[in-house]
Each structure stands twice: as C-alpha cells, then as structure tokens.
Amino acid sequence: MSHSLQRWWRSIAVALAGLLVAAGVEAQSGRPPREGGYAPPPRQFADPDRAANAAREATGGRVLGVQGADQNGQPGYRVRILEQNGRVRSLHFDPASGKMRD
C-alpha cells in the first residue's frame, strides 16, 4: 500500500474516532433537554408503584395491574386489585392527593 493511501486511511480513522468520542460526550453531557426535545413525563405519571402501594394498603389485596387513567378529567392511575374474598375491584389513584377512590 502506498504511503499516501496509508495516510488517507489513518486520517479517516482518526476523524471517525473523533466523531464517535464527540457523540458519546454529547449523549452523556448531563445538560437539561433543549426546548422541543425529550422531556421526562409529568410527575403524576412517573410513579405507578406509588399507586400500587396505596391500593394494596387500602384494601389488603393483591395488585393485578396499574395503568394511567383519567377520572373526571383528573390524571391518575387505575389499579385492579384482587381482594382476599376473590373479588376484583378497580380503584382510581389520584397522585396529587395520594388518595384512592372507587
């Protein structure tokens, strides 16, 4: 391989390595997202475990599932509970107040 071709391949490799390093630094920069970019979900939708725990404490039953749901225009979670008597109930968890409702 000629000397000039080796230099060309080496410069391409260095340029690609530089791009990869720069992309990695950007991905791990820790800066807040730019406007219009990715943003985390609102706090009321960030913790379905909190809804499951509240339902478990309120009923003493087993949690079958949790999903985001609105009730009367208020965001929250629908939690399905299997009670000790075998009955399945659906409860609504309001994250703003932390209360369960039928």
N, C-alpha and C. Protein backbone atom coordinates (compact mmCIF):
# COMPACT_ATOMS: atom_id res chain seq x y z
N MET A 1 0.85 -1.17 0.00
CA MET A 1 0.00 0.00 0.00
C MET A 1 0.90 1.23 0.00
N SER A 2 0.58 2.22 -0.76
CA SER A 2 1.42 3.41 -0.87
C SER A 2 1.32 4.25 0.42
N HIS A 3 2.32 5.06 0.61
CA HIS A 3 2.39 5.90 1.80
C HIS A 3 1.23 6.89 1.85
N SER A 4 0.87 7.46 0.74
CA SER A 4 -0.23 8.45 0.72
C SER A 4 -1.57 7.77 1.02
N LEU A 5 -1.78 6.54 0.55
CA LEU A 5 -3.01 5.81 0.83
C LEU A 5 -3.09 5.45 2.32
N GLN A 6 -1.96 5.09 2.93
CA GLN A 6 -1.93 4.80 4.36
C GLN A 6 -2.28 6.04 5.17
N ARG A 7 -1.74 7.18 4.78
CA ARG A 7 -2.05 8.42 5.48
C ARG A 7 -3.52 8.76 5.34
N TRP A 8 -4.09 8.52 4.17
CA TRP A 8 -5.52 8.80 3.93
C TRP A 8 -6.38 7.93 4.84
N TRP A 9 -6.10 6.63 4.92
CA TRP A 9 -6.87 5.73 5.78
C TRP A 9 -6.71 6.11 7.25
N ARG A 10 -5.50 6.49 7.65
CA ARG A 10 -5.26 6.88 9.03
C ARG A 10 -6.05 8.14 9.37
N SER A 11 -6.09 9.11 8.47
CA SER A 11 -6.84 10.34 8.74
C SER A 11 -8.35 10.06 8.80
N ILE A 12 -8.85 9.13 7.97
CA ILE A 12 -10.26 8.74 8.03
C ILE A 12 -10.56 8.08 9.38
N ALA A 13 -9.68 7.19 9.83
CA ALA A 13 -9.87 6.50 11.11
C ALA A 13 -9.86 7.49 12.27
N VAL A 14 -8.95 8.46 12.25
CA VAL A 14 -8.88 9.47 13.31
C VAL A 14 -10.14 10.33 13.29
N ALA A 15 -10.62 10.70 12.12
CA ALA A 15 -11.83 11.51 12.02
C ALA A 15 -13.04 10.75 12.56
N LEU A 16 -13.18 9.47 12.21
CA LEU A 16 -14.29 8.67 12.72
C LEU A 16 -14.21 8.50 14.23
N ALA A 17 -13.02 8.26 14.74
CA ALA A 17 -12.85 8.12 16.19
C ALA A 17 -13.24 9.43 16.88
N GLY A 18 -12.86 10.55 16.30
CA GLY A 18 -13.22 11.84 16.88
C GLY A 18 -14.73 12.05 16.89
N LEU A 19 -15.40 11.65 15.82
CA LEU A 19 -16.86 11.77 15.78
C LEU A 19 -17.52 10.89 16.83
N LEU A 20 -17.03 9.67 17.00
CA LEU A 20 -17.60 8.77 18.00
C LEU A 20 -17.40 9.31 19.41
N VAL A 21 -16.24 9.85 19.69
CA VAL A 21 -15.97 10.43 21.00
C VAL A 21 -16.87 11.64 21.23
N ALA A 22 -17.00 12.50 20.23
CA ALA A 22 -17.84 13.69 20.36
C ALA A 22 -19.30 13.30 20.57
N ALA A 23 -19.78 12.28 19.88
CA ALA A 23 -21.16 11.82 20.05
C ALA A 23 -21.37 11.25 21.45
N GLY A 24 -20.40 10.54 21.98
CA GLY A 24 -20.51 10.00 23.33
C GLY A 24 -20.52 11.08 24.38
N VAL A 25 -19.72 12.10 24.21
CA VAL A 25 -19.70 13.22 25.15
C VAL A 25 -21.03 13.94 25.12
N GLU A 26 -21.62 14.12 23.97
CA GLU A 26 -22.92 14.79 23.84
C GLU A 26 -24.00 13.98 24.54
N ALA A 27 -23.98 12.68 24.39
CA ALA A 27 -25.03 11.83 24.97
C ALA A 27 -24.94 11.80 26.49
N GLN A 28 -23.77 12.01 27.05
CA GLN A 28 -23.58 11.93 28.50
C GLN A 28 -23.31 13.29 29.12
N SER A 29 -23.72 14.35 28.46
CA SER A 29 -23.36 15.68 28.93
C SER A 29 -24.07 16.08 30.21
N GLY A 30 -25.25 15.53 30.50
CA GLY A 30 -25.97 15.87 31.70
C GLY A 30 -26.69 17.21 31.62
N ARG A 31 -26.67 17.83 30.46
CA ARG A 31 -27.38 19.10 30.29
C ARG A 31 -28.88 18.85 30.23
N PRO A 32 -29.70 19.83 30.66
CA PRO A 32 -31.15 19.66 30.52
C PRO A 32 -31.54 19.61 29.05
N PRO A 33 -32.67 18.98 28.72
CA PRO A 33 -33.06 18.88 27.32
C PRO A 33 -33.33 20.25 26.71
N ARG A 34 -33.05 20.36 25.42
CA ARG A 34 -33.34 21.60 24.71
C ARG A 34 -34.83 21.74 24.51
N GLU A 35 -35.27 22.96 24.33
CA GLU A 35 -36.68 23.20 24.10
C GLU A 35 -37.15 22.41 22.87
N GLY A 36 -38.25 21.71 23.02
CA GLY A 36 -38.76 20.90 21.92
C GLY A 36 -38.15 19.51 21.89
N GLY A 37 -37.16 19.23 22.76
CA GLY A 37 -36.54 17.92 22.81
C GLY A 37 -37.26 17.02 23.78
N TYR A 38 -36.63 15.90 24.12
CA TYR A 38 -37.20 14.95 25.05
C TYR A 38 -37.31 15.57 26.44
N ALA A 39 -38.41 15.34 27.09
CA ALA A 39 -38.59 15.76 28.48
C ALA A 39 -39.20 14.59 29.24
N PRO A 40 -38.87 14.44 30.51
CA PRO A 40 -39.45 13.33 31.27
C PRO A 40 -40.95 13.52 31.43
N PRO A 41 -41.67 12.43 31.71
CA PRO A 41 -43.12 12.56 31.87
C PRO A 41 -43.45 13.40 33.09
N PRO A 42 -44.65 14.00 33.13
CA PRO A 42 -45.03 14.78 34.30
C PRO A 42 -44.97 13.93 35.56
N ARG A 43 -44.76 14.54 36.70
CA ARG A 43 -44.59 13.83 37.96
C ARG A 43 -45.77 12.90 38.26
N GLN A 44 -46.99 13.31 37.94
CA GLN A 44 -48.14 12.47 38.30
C GLN A 44 -48.14 11.15 37.55
N PHE A 45 -47.40 11.03 36.45
CA PHE A 45 -47.35 9.78 35.71
C PHE A 45 -46.01 9.07 35.90
N ALA A 46 -45.19 9.55 36.81
CA ALA A 46 -43.85 8.99 36.94
C ALA A 46 -43.76 7.84 37.93
N ASP A 47 -44.81 7.55 38.70
CA ASP A 47 -44.65 6.56 39.76
C ASP A 47 -45.87 5.65 39.92
N PRO A 48 -46.07 4.70 39.01
CA PRO A 48 -47.19 3.76 39.18
C PRO A 48 -47.02 2.85 40.39
N ASP A 49 -45.78 2.67 40.88
CA ASP A 49 -45.56 1.88 42.09
C ASP A 49 -46.23 2.52 43.30
N ARG A 50 -46.23 3.83 43.32
CA ARG A 50 -46.89 4.55 44.41
C ARG A 50 -48.39 4.25 44.43
N ALA A 51 -49.00 4.20 43.23
CA ALA A 51 -50.42 3.87 43.12
C ALA A 51 -50.68 2.44 43.58
N ALA A 52 -49.82 1.51 43.18
CA ALA A 52 -49.99 0.11 43.57
C ALA A 52 -49.88 -0.05 45.08
N ASN A 53 -48.91 0.61 45.69
CA ASN A 53 -48.73 0.52 47.13
C ASN A 53 -49.92 1.11 47.88
N ALA A 54 -50.45 2.23 47.41
CA ALA A 54 -51.61 2.85 48.05
C ALA A 54 -52.83 1.93 47.97
N ALA A 55 -53.04 1.28 46.83
CA ALA A 55 -54.17 0.37 46.67
C ALA A 55 -54.00 -0.86 47.56
N ARG A 56 -52.79 -1.37 47.63
CA ARG A 56 -52.52 -2.54 48.48
C ARG A 56 -52.79 -2.22 49.95
N GLU A 57 -52.35 -1.05 50.39
CA GLU A 57 -52.57 -0.64 51.78
C GLU A 57 -54.05 -0.39 52.06
N ALA A 58 -54.77 0.18 51.10
CA ALA A 58 -56.19 0.50 51.31
C ALA A 58 -57.06 -0.74 51.36
N THR A 59 -56.71 -1.79 50.65
CA THR A 59 -57.59 -2.96 50.54
C THR A 59 -57.02 -4.23 51.16
N GLY A 60 -55.73 -4.33 51.29
CA GLY A 60 -55.11 -5.56 51.75
C GLY A 60 -55.07 -6.64 50.69
N GLY A 61 -55.43 -6.28 49.45
CA GLY A 61 -55.48 -7.24 48.37
C GLY A 61 -54.20 -7.29 47.56
N ARG A 62 -54.26 -8.08 46.49
CA ARG A 62 -53.12 -8.26 45.59
C ARG A 62 -53.32 -7.40 44.34
N VAL A 63 -52.30 -6.66 43.94
CA VAL A 63 -52.38 -5.80 42.76
C VAL A 63 -52.27 -6.65 41.51
N LEU A 64 -53.27 -6.53 40.63
CA LEU A 64 -53.26 -7.26 39.36
C LEU A 64 -52.68 -6.42 38.24
N GLY A 65 -52.84 -5.10 38.30
CA GLY A 65 -52.31 -4.24 37.25
C GLY A 65 -52.53 -2.78 37.56
N VAL A 66 -51.69 -1.94 36.95
CA VAL A 66 -51.78 -0.49 37.10
C VAL A 66 -51.64 0.12 35.72
N GLN A 67 -52.52 1.07 35.40
CA GLN A 67 -52.38 1.78 34.13
C GLN A 67 -52.82 3.22 34.30
N GLY A 68 -52.22 4.11 33.54
CA GLY A 68 -52.59 5.51 33.58
C GLY A 68 -54.02 5.68 33.13
N ALA A 69 -54.78 6.53 33.84
CA ALA A 69 -56.18 6.74 33.50
C ALA A 69 -56.64 8.08 34.06
N ASP A 70 -57.60 8.69 33.39
CA ASP A 70 -58.22 9.93 33.86
C ASP A 70 -59.54 9.59 34.51
N GLN A 71 -59.89 10.35 35.54
CA GLN A 71 -61.22 10.24 36.14
C GLN A 71 -61.72 11.66 36.35
N ASN A 72 -62.82 11.97 35.69
CA ASN A 72 -63.40 13.32 35.72
C ASN A 72 -62.38 14.38 35.30
N GLY A 73 -61.58 14.05 34.30
CA GLY A 73 -60.60 14.99 33.78
C GLY A 73 -59.32 15.10 34.61
N GLN A 74 -59.21 14.35 35.69
CA GLN A 74 -58.02 14.39 36.53
C GLN A 74 -57.11 13.22 36.20
N PRO A 75 -55.83 13.47 35.92
CA PRO A 75 -54.91 12.37 35.60
C PRO A 75 -54.64 11.53 36.84
N GLY A 76 -54.41 10.27 36.62
CA GLY A 76 -54.10 9.37 37.73
C GLY A 76 -53.87 7.97 37.23
N TYR A 77 -54.18 6.98 38.06
CA TYR A 77 -53.95 5.57 37.72
C TYR A 77 -55.18 4.75 38.07
N ARG A 78 -55.47 3.77 37.23
CA ARG A 78 -56.46 2.77 37.54
C ARG A 78 -55.70 1.55 38.04
N VAL A 79 -56.08 1.08 39.23
CA VAL A 79 -55.40 -0.05 39.85
C VAL A 79 -56.43 -1.17 40.02
N ARG A 80 -56.14 -2.33 39.46
CA ARG A 80 -57.01 -3.50 39.63
C ARG A 80 -56.45 -4.34 40.77
N ILE A 81 -57.35 -4.67 41.73
CA ILE A 81 -56.99 -5.37 42.96
C ILE A 81 -57.78 -6.66 43.08
N LEU A 82 -57.12 -7.73 43.47
CA LEU A 82 -57.79 -8.98 43.81
C LEU A 82 -57.87 -9.02 45.33
N GLU A 83 -59.11 -8.90 45.84
CA GLU A 83 -59.30 -8.91 47.29
C GLU A 83 -59.19 -10.32 47.83
N GLN A 84 -59.07 -10.44 49.15
CA GLN A 84 -58.91 -11.75 49.78
C GLN A 84 -60.13 -12.65 49.60
N ASN A 85 -61.31 -12.04 49.39
CA ASN A 85 -62.53 -12.83 49.18
C ASN A 85 -62.69 -13.27 47.72
N GLY A 86 -61.72 -12.94 46.85
CA GLY A 86 -61.77 -13.35 45.45
C GLY A 86 -62.38 -12.32 44.52
N ARG A 87 -62.89 -11.23 45.06
CA ARG A 87 -63.50 -10.17 44.25
C ARG A 87 -62.41 -9.30 43.62
N VAL A 88 -62.61 -8.90 42.36
CA VAL A 88 -61.69 -7.99 41.67
C VAL A 88 -62.31 -6.60 41.67
N ARG A 89 -61.54 -5.63 42.13
CA ARG A 89 -62.00 -4.23 42.17
C ARG A 89 -61.08 -3.36 41.34
N SER A 90 -61.65 -2.30 40.78
CA SER A 90 -60.87 -1.26 40.11
C SER A 90 -60.95 0.00 40.95
N LEU A 91 -59.81 0.52 41.31
CA LEU A 91 -59.73 1.75 42.10
C LEU A 91 -59.00 2.80 41.30
N HIS A 92 -59.24 4.06 41.62
CA HIS A 92 -58.54 5.16 40.96
C HIS A 92 -57.62 5.82 41.99
N PHE A 93 -56.36 6.01 41.62
CA PHE A 93 -55.39 6.67 42.48
C PHE A 93 -55.17 8.07 41.95
N ASP A 94 -55.36 9.07 42.81
CA ASP A 94 -55.13 10.47 42.48
C ASP A 94 -53.73 10.85 42.98
N PRO A 95 -52.75 11.03 42.09
CA PRO A 95 -51.38 11.30 42.54
C PRO A 95 -51.23 12.65 43.22
N ALA A 96 -52.11 13.60 42.91
CA ALA A 96 -51.99 14.92 43.54
C ALA A 96 -52.30 14.83 45.03
N SER A 97 -53.34 14.09 45.40
CA SER A 97 -53.72 13.97 46.81
C SER A 97 -53.18 12.71 47.46
N GLY A 98 -52.83 11.69 46.66
CA GLY A 98 -52.36 10.42 47.19
C GLY A 98 -53.48 9.53 47.68
N LYS A 99 -54.72 9.83 47.29
CA LYS A 99 -55.88 9.07 47.77
C LYS A 99 -56.41 8.10 46.73
N MET A 100 -57.01 7.01 47.23
CA MET A 100 -57.66 6.01 46.39
C MET A 100 -59.15 6.29 46.39
N ARG A 101 -59.80 6.08 45.24
CA ARG A 101 -61.26 6.22 45.13
C ARG A 101 -61.80 5.03 44.33
N ASP A 102 -63.03 4.64 44.66
CA ASP A 102 -63.72 3.59 43.88
C ASP A 102 -64.15 4.15 42.55
